[in-house]
Amino acid sequence: MPAPSDHATLLVEVLVHDVGLKAGRAIPNQRLKERYVARGHTPNEIAEALKQGYAADWVRWDAVDGGTAA
């Protein structure tokens, strides 16, 4: 299990390597959860990872699009 500071790094690894997400695209929630679990983590960790990723400017929160991270 990664240290709390590594949650955002894991998030990016899953999104880029496992999901194949490209910059500017919406995060596919179900697929993200599936890949997180496949890596031995819980979906509950995703919220913290998104917060850290947003703080680091790695993900964007688009309130216009219903609050979708991208």
C-alpha atoms as a PDB file:
ATOM      1  CA  MET A   1       0.000   0.000   0.000  1.00  0.00           C
ATOM      2  CA  PRO A   2       1.456   3.398  -0.909  1.00  0.00           C
ATOM      3  CA  ALA A   3       2.164   6.071   1.667  1.00  0.00           C
ATOM      4  CA  PRO A   4      -0.580   8.737   1.795  1.00  0.00           C
ATOM      5  CA  SER A   5       1.588  11.088  -0.264  1.00  0.00           C
ATOM      6  CA  ASP A   6       1.761   8.442  -2.987  1.00  0.00           C
ATOM      7  CA  HIS A   7      -1.997   8.177  -3.573  1.00  0.00           C
ATOM      8  CA  ALA A   8      -1.899  10.792  -6.336  1.00  0.00           C
ATOM      9  CA  THR A   9       1.012   9.010  -8.004  1.00  0.00           C
ATOM     10  CA  LEU A  10      -0.909   5.731  -7.942  1.00  0.00           C
ATOM     11  CA  LEU A  11      -3.954   7.533  -9.345  1.00  0.00           C
ATOM     12  CA  VAL A  12      -1.959   8.823 -12.303  1.00  0.00           C
ATOM     13  CA  GLU A  13      -0.372   5.404 -12.899  1.00  0.00           C
ATOM     14  CA  VAL A  14      -3.791   3.745 -12.968  1.00  0.00           C
ATOM     15  CA  LEU A  15      -5.330   6.420 -15.181  1.00  0.00           C
ATOM     16  CA  VAL A  16      -2.486   6.525 -17.702  1.00  0.00           C
ATOM     17  CA  HIS A  17      -1.193   2.950 -17.758  1.00  0.00           C
ATOM     18  CA  ASP A  18      -4.251   0.887 -16.862  1.00  0.00           C
ATOM     19  CA  VAL A  19      -7.123   2.992 -18.184  1.00  0.00           C
ATOM     20  CA  GLY A  20      -5.274   4.709 -21.048  1.00  0.00           C
ATOM     21  CA  LEU A  21      -6.738   8.109 -20.180  1.00  0.00           C
ATOM     22  CA  LYS A  22      -5.573  11.045 -22.266  1.00  0.00           C
ATOM     23  CA  ALA A  23      -5.211  14.636 -21.027  1.00  0.00           C
ATOM     24  CA  GLY A  24      -8.449  16.607 -21.046  1.00  0.00           C
ATOM     25  CA  ARG A  25     -10.704  13.537 -20.973  1.00  0.00           C
ATOM     26  CA  ALA A  26     -13.202  12.743 -18.223  1.00  0.00           C
ATOM     27  CA  ILE A  27     -12.165  10.080 -15.733  1.00  0.00           C
ATOM     28  CA  PRO A  28     -14.257   6.928 -16.227  1.00  0.00           C
ATOM     29  CA  ASN A  29     -15.322   6.285 -12.637  1.00  0.00           C
ATOM     30  CA  GLN A  30     -16.231   2.608 -12.891  1.00  0.00           C
ATOM     31  CA  ARG A  31     -13.117   1.695 -14.842  1.00  0.00           C
ATOM     32  CA  LEU A  32     -10.942   3.617 -12.355  1.00  0.00           C
ATOM     33  CA  LYS A  33     -12.509   1.713  -9.449  1.00  0.00           C
ATOM     34  CA  GLU A  34     -12.031  -1.628 -11.206  1.00  0.00           C
ATOM     35  CA  ARG A  35      -8.358  -0.975 -11.941  1.00  0.00           C
ATOM     36  CA  TYR A  36      -7.702   0.324  -8.406  1.00  0.00           C
ATOM     37  CA  VAL A  37      -9.134  -2.863  -6.942  1.00  0.00           C
ATOM     38  CA  ALA A  38      -7.163  -4.978  -9.437  1.00  0.00           C
ATOM     39  CA  ARG A  39      -3.995  -3.376  -8.060  1.00  0.00           C
ATOM     40  CA  GLY A  40      -4.954  -4.430  -4.520  1.00  0.00           C
ATOM     41  CA  HIS A  41      -6.335  -1.115  -3.280  1.00  0.00           C
ATOM     42  CA  THR A  42      -9.784  -0.024  -2.181  1.00  0.00           C
ATOM     43  CA  PRO A  43     -12.091   2.415  -3.959  1.00  0.00           C
ATOM     44  CA  ASN A  44     -12.147   4.445  -0.722  1.00  0.00           C
ATOM     45  CA  GLU A  45      -8.569   5.574  -1.472  1.00  0.00           C
ATOM     46  CA  ILE A  46      -9.635   7.254  -4.713  1.00  0.00           C
ATOM     47  CA  ALA A  47     -11.133  10.337  -3.036  1.00  0.00           C
ATOM     48  CA  GLU A  48      -7.854  11.141  -1.269  1.00  0.00           C
ATOM     49  CA  ALA A  49      -5.903  10.472  -4.467  1.00  0.00           C
ATOM     50  CA  LEU A  50      -8.143  12.874  -6.398  1.00  0.00           C
ATOM     51  CA  LYS A  51      -7.692  15.546  -3.720  1.00  0.00           C
ATOM     52  CA  GLN A  52      -3.919  15.170  -3.860  1.00  0.00           C
ATOM     53  CA  GLY A  53      -3.912  15.079  -7.651  1.00  0.00           C
ATOM     54  CA  TYR A  54      -6.017  18.235  -7.773  1.00  0.00           C
ATOM     55  CA  ALA A  55      -3.723  19.983  -5.269  1.00  0.00           C
ATOM     56  CA  ALA A  56      -0.726  19.049  -7.430  1.00  0.00           C
ATOM     57  CA  ASP A  57      -2.525  20.280 -10.588  1.00  0.00           C
ATOM     58  CA  TRP A  58      -2.497  16.780 -12.060  1.00  0.00           C
ATOM     59  CA  VAL A  59      -6.284  16.555 -12.384  1.00  0.00           C
ATOM     60  CA  ARG A  60      -8.884  19.229 -13.042  1.00  0.00           C
ATOM     61  CA  TRP A  61     -12.275  19.525 -11.369  1.00  0.00           C
ATOM     62  CA  ASP A  62     -14.804  20.726 -13.920  1.00  0.00           C
ATOM     63  CA  ALA A  63     -17.887  21.938 -12.033  1.00  0.00           C
ATOM     64  CA  VAL A  64     -19.540  22.906 -15.327  1.00  0.00           C
ATOM     65  CA  ASP A  65     -19.574  19.238 -16.303  1.00  0.00           C
ATOM     66  CA  GLY A  66     -21.299  18.110 -13.108  1.00  0.00           C
ATOM     67  CA  GLY A  67     -18.104  18.002 -11.071  1.00  0.00           C
ATOM     68  CA  THR A  68     -16.205  15.559 -13.235  1.00  0.00           C
ATOM     69  CA  ALA A  69     -12.460  15.295 -12.619  1.00  0.00           C
ATOM     70  CA  ALA A  70     -10.362  15.204 -15.768  1.00  0.00           C
END
